[in-house]
Amino acid sequence: MKKLLTQRAKRLEPSPTFALDARVKQMQKEGIPVINLGIGEPDFETPAYIKKAGIQAIEEGYTHYTQTAGMLELRQALSNKFQVDNGLVYQPSQILVGSGSKPILYCAFQVLCEKGDEVIVPVPTWSSYVEQVKLTEATPVFIHLEPPFKLRADMIEQKISPKTKVILLNTPSNPTGAIIEKEELEKIAQLAIKNNIWVVTDEMYEKIIYGGKHISIASLGKQIYEQTITINGFSKTYAMTGWRLGYAGGPQEIITHMSHLQGQLTANASSISQRGGLAALTGPKKEIEKMMREFARRRELLIQELTQIPEFAVTPPEGSFFFFIGIKKLLGGKYSSSIAWCEALLQKKHVAVIPGEAFFAPGFFRLSFAAPFEKLEEGVKKIKEFIYE
């Protein structure tokens, strides 16, 4: 029999976060009361005015194809969003709307990278970046960050080679919550310009920041603007994970080719979701602000509770809704790895967190505080019991 799978398929790793979430859901289905602090998904309902827009789209029969790049009204609203929030002037023709940020990222990497290229990836990092780079047959080149996980331009400079095609940025970061400082973004921009390197920047958590203001690297000058693809989405800010709606802004030629590729993959994003996205951008912001205040309240609870555990190395996140916690003091005896430690926590105390290996950073785990306040209190209590029993 002929070999059924390509080497490309064999190299591809499944998403660790979604694998864990599926396992947790199965345990819950079996009646096991698991506290899920693993998945990166807001626990809030999508705001009512956004739901209403989706329902209205269905009732009005807005259930057919849109333009591959996304409905014009939504791209016009995104053009305004980019200018107001990020200081970026992207015309609607420079914006691509897709079925979540993952396929948008996929299209960006496929358009920019090929075999022989290198992509600089700071780690800890979201595993999908690495897998998508591998699918282009380019090589991910890691920068290993240590707490407080602050990326600096000099770290990037050490990894640049004649093969470097893309610098990947994620600020605020998943899984660490770290933010790249403006002065470092300016230096990174100069490196990219000097070496003729593309920048792909994922800014999904831009609204979930605890002090300070989000800075988009593409806003720091004409040259870096022309070498940057800015990627974002509706999932985290608007609690719209299931709507599958993401977008990118960038140079016309790149966005056009990304749109052509998307046309051969998913075609347009759901017309219903796009109407929801339009409502999200143009509607009231009170519910969004309420969600952000609640994330801040939960963050303060966890700073207070987790820093009291001497076995933990805790770096309070500057953004996102994740803590990335070091547990190296707990390893080497009973537990050989953070995978083993997290597995035991799930089995013994029914608390789900994600081991650092999923983010290419052994010796840590990611804890999501996109969970109700009382669940966080209960989860931390069980974690303490697990450590000290």
Protein backbone atom coordinates (compact mmCIF):
# COMPACT_ATOMS: atom_id res chain seq x y z
CA MET A 1 0.00 0.00 0.00
CA LYS A 2 1.21 3.50 -0.78
CA LYS A 3 2.00 5.80 2.10
CA LEU A 4 -1.17 7.71 2.92
CA LEU A 5 0.21 10.76 4.72
CA THR A 6 2.56 13.46 3.55
CA GLN A 7 5.55 14.46 5.65
CA ARG A 8 3.83 17.82 6.10
CA ALA A 9 0.84 16.14 7.71
CA LYS A 10 3.05 14.01 9.94
CA ARG A 11 4.96 17.05 11.18
CA LEU A 12 1.81 18.90 12.20
CA GLU A 13 1.02 18.86 15.92
CA PRO A 14 -2.56 19.17 17.25
CA SER A 15 -3.55 22.19 19.34
CA PRO A 16 -2.72 21.38 22.99
CA THR A 17 -5.28 23.86 24.33
CA PHE A 18 -8.16 22.47 22.31
CA ALA A 19 -7.11 18.90 23.13
CA LEU A 20 -7.26 19.74 26.84
CA ASP A 21 -10.59 21.53 26.46
CA ALA A 22 -12.08 18.49 24.71
CA ARG A 23 -10.86 16.28 27.54
CA VAL A 24 -12.29 18.61 30.19
CA LYS A 25 -15.65 18.70 28.43
CA GLN A 26 -15.68 14.90 28.33
CA MET A 27 -14.90 14.70 32.06
CA GLN A 28 -17.67 17.21 32.79
CA LYS A 29 -20.04 15.17 30.65
CA GLU A 30 -19.19 12.17 32.82
CA GLY A 31 -20.20 14.15 35.90
CA ILE A 32 -16.72 15.14 37.08
CA PRO A 33 -16.82 18.77 38.32
CA VAL A 34 -13.69 20.09 36.56
CA ILE A 35 -12.66 23.71 37.07
CA ASN A 36 -11.36 24.70 33.66
CA LEU A 37 -8.63 27.32 33.95
CA GLY A 38 -7.02 26.20 30.72
CA ILE A 39 -8.91 27.48 27.71
CA GLY A 40 -8.36 31.05 26.51
CA GLU A 41 -11.99 31.94 26.04
CA PRO A 42 -13.94 34.71 27.82
CA ASP A 43 -16.65 33.23 30.03
CA PHE A 44 -18.96 36.16 29.32
CA GLU A 45 -21.91 36.04 26.96
CA THR A 46 -21.58 37.85 23.66
CA PRO A 47 -23.21 41.28 24.32
CA ALA A 48 -26.93 41.34 23.53
CA TYR A 49 -26.70 44.01 20.82
CA ILE A 50 -24.22 41.86 18.89
CA LYS A 51 -26.44 38.78 19.20
CA LYS A 52 -29.37 40.85 18.00
CA ALA A 53 -27.45 41.88 14.89
CA GLY A 54 -26.74 38.24 14.08
CA ILE A 55 -30.36 37.23 14.57
CA GLN A 56 -31.51 40.18 12.47
CA ALA A 57 -29.14 39.13 9.67
CA ILE A 58 -30.77 35.70 9.59
CA GLU A 59 -34.29 37.10 9.71
CA GLU A 60 -33.51 39.54 6.90
CA GLY A 61 -32.06 36.76 4.75
CA TYR A 62 -28.51 38.05 4.94
CA THR A 63 -27.28 34.47 4.66
CA HIS A 64 -25.43 34.38 1.36
CA TYR A 65 -21.87 34.94 0.17
CA THR A 66 -20.23 38.29 0.76
CA GLN A 67 -17.10 39.56 -0.93
CA THR A 68 -14.21 37.21 -0.16
CA ALA A 69 -12.37 39.98 1.70
CA GLY A 70 -15.45 40.72 3.81
CA MET A 71 -18.53 42.94 3.49
CA LEU A 72 -17.57 46.50 2.60
CA GLU A 73 -19.45 48.06 5.53
CA LEU A 74 -17.45 45.94 7.98
CA ARG A 75 -14.13 46.76 6.34
CA GLN A 76 -15.05 50.46 6.43
CA ALA A 77 -15.79 50.14 10.15
CA LEU A 78 -12.48 48.32 10.64
CA SER A 79 -10.71 51.09 8.73
CA ASN A 80 -12.13 53.55 11.24
CA LYS A 81 -11.22 51.27 14.15
CA PHE A 82 -7.60 51.01 12.98
CA GLN A 83 -7.33 54.79 12.68
CA VAL A 84 -8.98 55.63 16.02
CA ASP A 85 -7.47 52.84 18.14
CA ASN A 86 -4.12 52.26 16.47
CA GLY A 87 -3.22 55.35 14.50
CA LEU A 88 -3.18 53.28 11.31
CA VAL A 89 -4.64 54.39 8.00
CA TYR A 90 -5.79 51.26 6.19
CA GLN A 91 -8.24 51.67 3.34
CA PRO A 92 -11.01 49.02 3.15
CA SER A 93 -9.09 47.44 0.24
CA GLN A 94 -6.14 46.95 2.63
CA ILE A 95 -8.25 44.95 5.09
CA LEU A 96 -9.10 41.25 4.99
CA VAL A 97 -11.86 39.71 7.12
CA GLY A 98 -11.72 35.97 7.74
CA SER A 99 -13.16 33.10 9.73
CA GLY A 100 -11.13 33.85 12.84
CA SER A 101 -7.55 35.05 13.25
CA LYS A 102 -6.09 31.56 12.69
CA PRO A 103 -6.94 31.36 8.96
CA ILE A 104 -5.87 35.00 8.60
CA LEU A 105 -2.49 34.12 10.11
CA TYR A 106 -2.30 31.05 7.90
CA CYS A 107 -2.83 33.16 4.80
CA ALA A 108 -0.21 35.69 5.92
CA PHE A 109 2.45 33.03 6.49
CA GLN A 110 1.60 31.22 3.26
CA VAL A 111 1.88 34.43 1.24
CA LEU A 112 5.13 35.56 2.89
CA CYS A 113 7.09 32.37 3.59
CA GLU A 114 8.43 29.32 1.79
CA LYS A 115 11.08 26.64 2.12
CA GLY A 116 14.45 28.10 3.09
CA ASP A 117 12.98 31.10 4.92
CA GLU A 118 13.23 31.68 8.67
CA VAL A 119 10.63 33.19 10.99
CA ILE A 120 11.75 34.61 14.34
CA VAL A 121 9.34 33.52 17.07
CA PRO A 122 9.71 34.62 20.72
CA VAL A 123 8.77 31.83 23.14
CA PRO A 124 6.76 31.09 25.24
CA THR A 125 4.29 31.37 22.38
CA TRP A 126 0.97 30.14 21.05
CA SER A 127 1.59 26.81 19.34
CA SER A 128 -0.43 27.67 16.23
CA TYR A 129 2.19 30.19 15.13
CA VAL A 130 4.86 27.51 15.04
CA GLU A 131 2.69 24.91 13.31
CA GLN A 132 1.58 27.39 10.67
CA VAL A 133 5.17 28.43 9.97
CA LYS A 134 6.10 24.75 9.59
CA LEU A 135 3.28 24.30 7.06
CA THR A 136 5.00 26.82 4.78
CA GLU A 137 8.20 24.73 5.09
CA ALA A 138 9.95 27.76 6.59
CA THR A 139 11.91 27.30 9.82
CA PRO A 140 10.80 28.82 13.12
CA VAL A 141 13.75 30.34 14.98
CA PHE A 142 13.05 30.66 18.69
CA ILE A 143 14.00 33.44 21.08
CA HIS A 144 13.70 31.93 24.56
CA LEU A 145 12.38 34.54 26.99
CA GLU A 146 12.72 34.30 30.75
CA PRO A 147 10.50 36.05 33.32
CA PRO A 148 9.29 38.79 33.05
CA PHE A 149 9.16 37.68 29.38
CA LYS A 150 9.99 41.10 27.95
CA LEU A 151 11.08 40.96 24.32
CA ARG A 152 13.94 43.28 23.37
CA ALA A 153 15.28 44.28 19.98
CA ASP A 154 18.80 43.07 20.78
CA MET A 155 17.41 39.54 21.29
CA ILE A 156 15.91 39.67 17.81
CA GLU A 157 19.08 41.07 16.29
CA GLN A 158 21.05 38.05 17.50
CA LYS A 159 18.70 35.73 15.58
CA ILE A 160 18.60 37.60 12.27
CA SER A 161 20.25 35.80 9.37
CA PRO A 162 20.19 36.22 5.58
CA LYS A 163 17.27 33.73 5.62
CA THR A 164 15.09 35.75 8.02
CA LYS A 165 11.82 36.60 6.28
CA VAL A 166 9.45 37.44 9.13
CA ILE A 167 9.58 38.66 12.73
CA LEU A 168 6.50 37.49 14.62
CA LEU A 169 5.20 39.71 17.42
CA ASN A 170 2.34 39.07 19.86
CA THR A 171 1.60 41.91 22.25
CA PRO A 172 0.02 41.52 24.75
CA SER A 173 1.30 37.97 24.69
CA ASN A 174 -0.41 34.64 24.91
CA PRO A 175 0.58 32.94 27.23
CA THR A 176 2.61 35.41 29.33
CA GLY A 177 0.56 38.60 29.21
CA ALA A 178 3.77 40.55 28.57
CA ILE A 179 3.72 43.77 26.52
CA ILE A 180 6.49 44.92 24.21
CA GLU A 181 7.50 48.43 25.26
CA LYS A 182 7.25 51.29 22.74
CA GLU A 183 10.98 51.96 22.74
CA GLU A 184 11.64 48.30 21.93
CA LEU A 185 9.00 48.35 19.18
CA GLU A 186 10.80 51.35 17.68
CA LYS A 187 14.11 49.45 17.73
CA ILE A 188 12.48 46.32 16.29
CA ALA A 189 10.99 48.46 13.53
CA GLN A 190 14.45 49.79 12.66
CA LEU A 191 15.85 46.25 12.58
CA ALA A 192 13.07 45.13 10.25
CA ILE A 193 13.61 48.10 7.95
CA LYS A 194 17.40 47.76 7.93
CA ASN A 195 17.26 44.04 7.11
CA ASN A 196 14.20 44.14 4.83
CA ILE A 197 12.18 41.78 7.05
CA TRP A 198 8.39 41.51 7.28
CA VAL A 199 6.64 41.90 10.63
CA VAL A 200 3.51 39.91 11.43
CA THR A 201 1.96 41.27 14.61
CA ASP A 202 -0.93 39.59 16.44
CA GLU A 203 -2.72 42.18 18.57
CA MET A 204 -5.73 40.09 19.63
CA TYR A 205 -5.47 41.14 23.30
CA GLU A 206 -4.96 44.87 22.65
CA LYS A 207 -8.03 45.91 24.68
CA ILE A 208 -7.20 43.70 27.66
CA ILE A 209 -4.44 45.80 29.21
CA TYR A 210 -3.89 46.75 32.85
CA GLY A 211 -2.44 50.24 32.69
CA GLY A 212 -0.68 51.92 29.80
CA LYS A 213 -1.78 52.03 26.18
CA HIS A 214 -1.44 49.53 23.37
CA ILE A 215 1.01 50.49 20.62
CA SER A 216 0.86 49.01 17.11
CA ILE A 217 4.32 48.73 15.56
CA ALA A 218 2.94 49.68 12.14
CA SER A 219 2.04 53.11 13.53
CA LEU A 220 5.69 53.99 14.19
CA GLY A 221 6.58 55.23 10.71
CA LYS A 222 5.91 54.94 6.99
CA GLN A 223 8.57 52.31 6.29
CA ILE A 224 7.54 49.87 9.04
CA TYR A 225 3.89 50.44 8.10
CA GLU A 226 4.74 49.16 4.62
CA GLN A 227 6.43 46.02 6.05
CA THR A 228 3.80 45.03 8.64
CA ILE A 229 0.67 42.88 8.63
CA THR A 230 -1.48 43.75 11.66
CA ILE A 231 -3.75 40.92 12.75
CA ASN A 232 -6.64 41.07 15.21
CA GLY A 233 -10.10 39.65 15.85
CA PHE A 234 -13.36 39.85 17.74
CA SER A 235 -13.02 36.75 19.94
CA LYS A 236 -11.43 38.13 23.09
CA THR A 237 -12.62 41.73 23.30
CA TYR A 238 -16.24 41.01 22.43
CA ALA A 239 -16.57 37.43 23.78
CA MET A 240 -17.23 36.19 20.24
CA THR A 241 -15.01 33.11 20.06
CA GLY A 242 -17.69 30.95 18.46
CA TRP A 243 -18.53 33.56 15.83
CA ARG A 244 -15.11 32.92 14.18
CA LEU A 245 -14.26 36.41 12.98
CA GLY A 246 -10.78 37.84 12.54
CA TYR A 247 -9.16 40.47 10.36
CA ALA A 248 -5.88 41.90 9.10
CA GLY A 249 -4.63 45.20 7.76
CA GLY A 250 -1.52 45.61 5.68
CA PRO A 251 0.08 46.59 2.38
CA GLN A 252 -2.32 46.34 -0.56
CA GLU A 253 -0.35 43.70 -2.46
CA ILE A 254 -0.04 41.38 0.54
CA ILE A 255 -3.70 41.72 1.55
CA THR A 256 -4.78 41.08 -2.06
CA HIS A 257 -2.80 37.85 -2.23
CA MET A 258 -4.04 36.78 1.21
CA SER A 259 -7.58 37.38 -0.03
CA HIS A 260 -6.92 35.29 -3.15
CA LEU A 261 -5.67 32.43 -0.97
CA GLN A 262 -8.63 32.74 1.40
CA GLY A 263 -10.91 32.56 -1.64
CA GLN A 264 -9.55 29.07 -2.31
CA LEU A 265 -9.88 27.99 1.32
CA THR A 266 -12.89 29.30 3.22
CA ALA A 267 -14.11 32.04 0.85
CA ASN A 268 -15.74 34.74 2.97
CA ALA A 269 -16.33 34.65 6.70
CA SER A 270 -19.91 33.92 7.76
CA SER A 271 -22.20 36.73 6.62
CA ILE A 272 -24.07 36.47 9.93
CA SER A 273 -20.87 36.79 11.95
CA GLN A 274 -19.82 39.78 9.87
CA ARG A 275 -23.03 41.59 10.74
CA GLY A 276 -22.31 40.80 14.38
CA GLY A 277 -18.81 42.19 13.99
CA LEU A 278 -20.18 45.39 12.47
CA ALA A 279 -22.49 45.80 15.46
CA ALA A 280 -19.58 45.16 17.84
CA LEU A 281 -17.54 47.97 16.29
CA THR A 282 -20.32 50.51 16.03
CA GLY A 283 -22.39 49.69 19.12
CA PRO A 284 -22.15 50.79 22.79
CA LYS A 285 -18.99 49.96 24.72
CA LYS A 286 -20.41 49.71 28.24
CA GLU A 287 -20.57 45.91 28.32
CA ILE A 288 -17.03 45.67 26.95
CA GLU A 289 -15.75 48.05 29.61
CA LYS A 290 -17.59 46.00 32.24
CA MET A 291 -15.82 42.83 31.04
CA MET A 292 -12.45 44.56 31.21
CA ARG A 293 -13.10 45.75 34.76
CA GLU A 294 -13.98 42.21 35.77
CA PHE A 295 -10.79 40.84 34.22
CA ALA A 296 -8.85 43.43 36.23
CA ARG A 297 -10.64 42.37 39.43
CA ARG A 298 -9.82 38.72 38.81
CA ARG A 299 -6.21 39.58 38.04
CA GLU A 300 -5.87 41.34 41.40
CA LEU A 301 -7.33 38.31 43.20
CA LEU A 302 -4.80 36.01 41.56
CA ILE A 303 -1.85 38.32 42.20
CA GLN A 304 -2.80 38.31 45.87
CA GLU A 305 -3.33 34.56 46.07
CA LEU A 306 -0.62 33.18 43.78
CA THR A 307 2.21 35.32 45.09
CA GLN A 308 1.61 33.75 48.52
CA ILE A 309 2.71 30.37 47.15
CA PRO A 310 6.53 30.32 47.54
CA GLU A 311 6.87 27.38 45.16
CA PHE A 312 5.47 29.52 42.32
CA ALA A 313 7.37 32.09 40.26
CA VAL A 314 4.65 34.60 39.43
CA THR A 315 4.92 37.42 36.90
CA PRO A 316 1.71 39.51 36.92
CA PRO A 317 0.45 39.88 33.35
CA GLU A 318 0.43 43.35 31.81
CA GLY A 319 -2.30 42.31 29.40
CA SER A 320 -4.46 39.33 28.30
CA PHE A 321 -6.22 37.08 30.82
CA PHE A 322 -3.39 34.64 31.51
CA PHE A 323 -0.82 34.01 34.20
CA PHE A 324 2.25 32.06 33.11
CA ILE A 325 3.58 30.56 36.31
CA GLY A 326 6.94 28.97 36.95
CA ILE A 327 6.92 25.69 38.92
CA LYS A 328 10.53 24.55 38.59
CA LYS A 329 10.77 24.32 42.40
CA LEU A 330 8.11 21.61 42.30
CA LEU A 331 9.80 19.48 39.64
CA GLY A 332 12.55 16.90 39.71
CA GLY A 333 11.16 14.66 42.43
CA LYS A 334 7.59 13.45 42.41
CA TYR A 335 6.90 15.21 39.12
CA SER A 336 9.42 15.07 36.31
CA SER A 337 7.85 17.79 34.16
CA SER A 338 5.17 20.44 34.09
CA ILE A 339 3.14 18.06 31.94
CA ALA A 340 3.19 15.49 34.75
CA TRP A 341 2.40 18.15 37.37
CA CYS A 342 -0.58 19.50 35.41
CA GLU A 343 -1.85 15.99 34.72
CA ALA A 344 -1.75 15.13 38.41
CA LEU A 345 -3.55 18.38 39.29
CA LEU A 346 -6.31 17.49 36.86
CA GLN A 347 -6.64 13.91 38.10
CA LYS A 348 -6.44 14.62 41.82
CA LYS A 349 -8.11 18.00 42.18
CA HIS A 350 -10.02 18.33 38.90
CA VAL A 351 -8.40 21.66 38.04
CA ALA A 352 -7.34 22.07 34.42
CA VAL A 353 -4.38 24.26 33.48
CA ILE A 354 -2.04 24.00 30.49
CA PRO A 355 1.59 22.89 30.88
CA GLY A 356 4.32 25.15 29.57
CA GLU A 357 5.42 22.51 27.06
CA ALA A 358 2.37 23.51 25.00
CA PHE A 359 4.02 26.92 24.61
CA PHE A 360 7.58 25.61 24.14
CA ALA A 361 8.46 26.56 27.72
CA PRO A 362 8.83 23.57 30.10
CA GLY A 363 8.70 24.27 33.80
CA PHE A 364 5.68 26.58 33.64
CA PHE A 365 1.91 26.39 33.34
CA ARG A 366 -0.68 28.76 31.95
CA LEU A 367 -3.66 29.68 34.10
CA SER A 368 -6.55 31.49 32.46
CA PHE A 369 -8.64 33.87 34.51
CA ALA A 370 -11.37 33.93 31.89
CA ALA A 371 -13.49 32.10 34.46
CA PRO A 372 -15.99 33.29 37.08
CA PHE A 373 -14.52 34.88 40.22
CA GLU A 374 -15.80 32.14 42.51
CA LYS A 375 -14.34 29.45 40.25
CA LEU A 376 -10.97 31.16 40.43
CA GLU A 377 -11.16 31.24 44.23
CA GLU A 378 -12.08 27.56 44.32
CA GLY A 379 -9.42 26.66 41.76
CA VAL A 380 -6.64 28.41 43.67
CA LYS A 381 -7.77 26.72 46.88
CA LYS A 382 -7.54 23.31 45.21
CA ILE A 383 -4.12 24.12 43.73
CA LYS A 384 -2.84 24.98 47.22
CA GLU A 385 -4.30 21.74 48.57
CA PHE A 386 -2.58 19.83 45.78
CA ILE A 387 0.81 21.37 46.52
CA TYR A 388 0.70 20.97 50.28
CA GLU A 389 -1.24 17.73 50.83
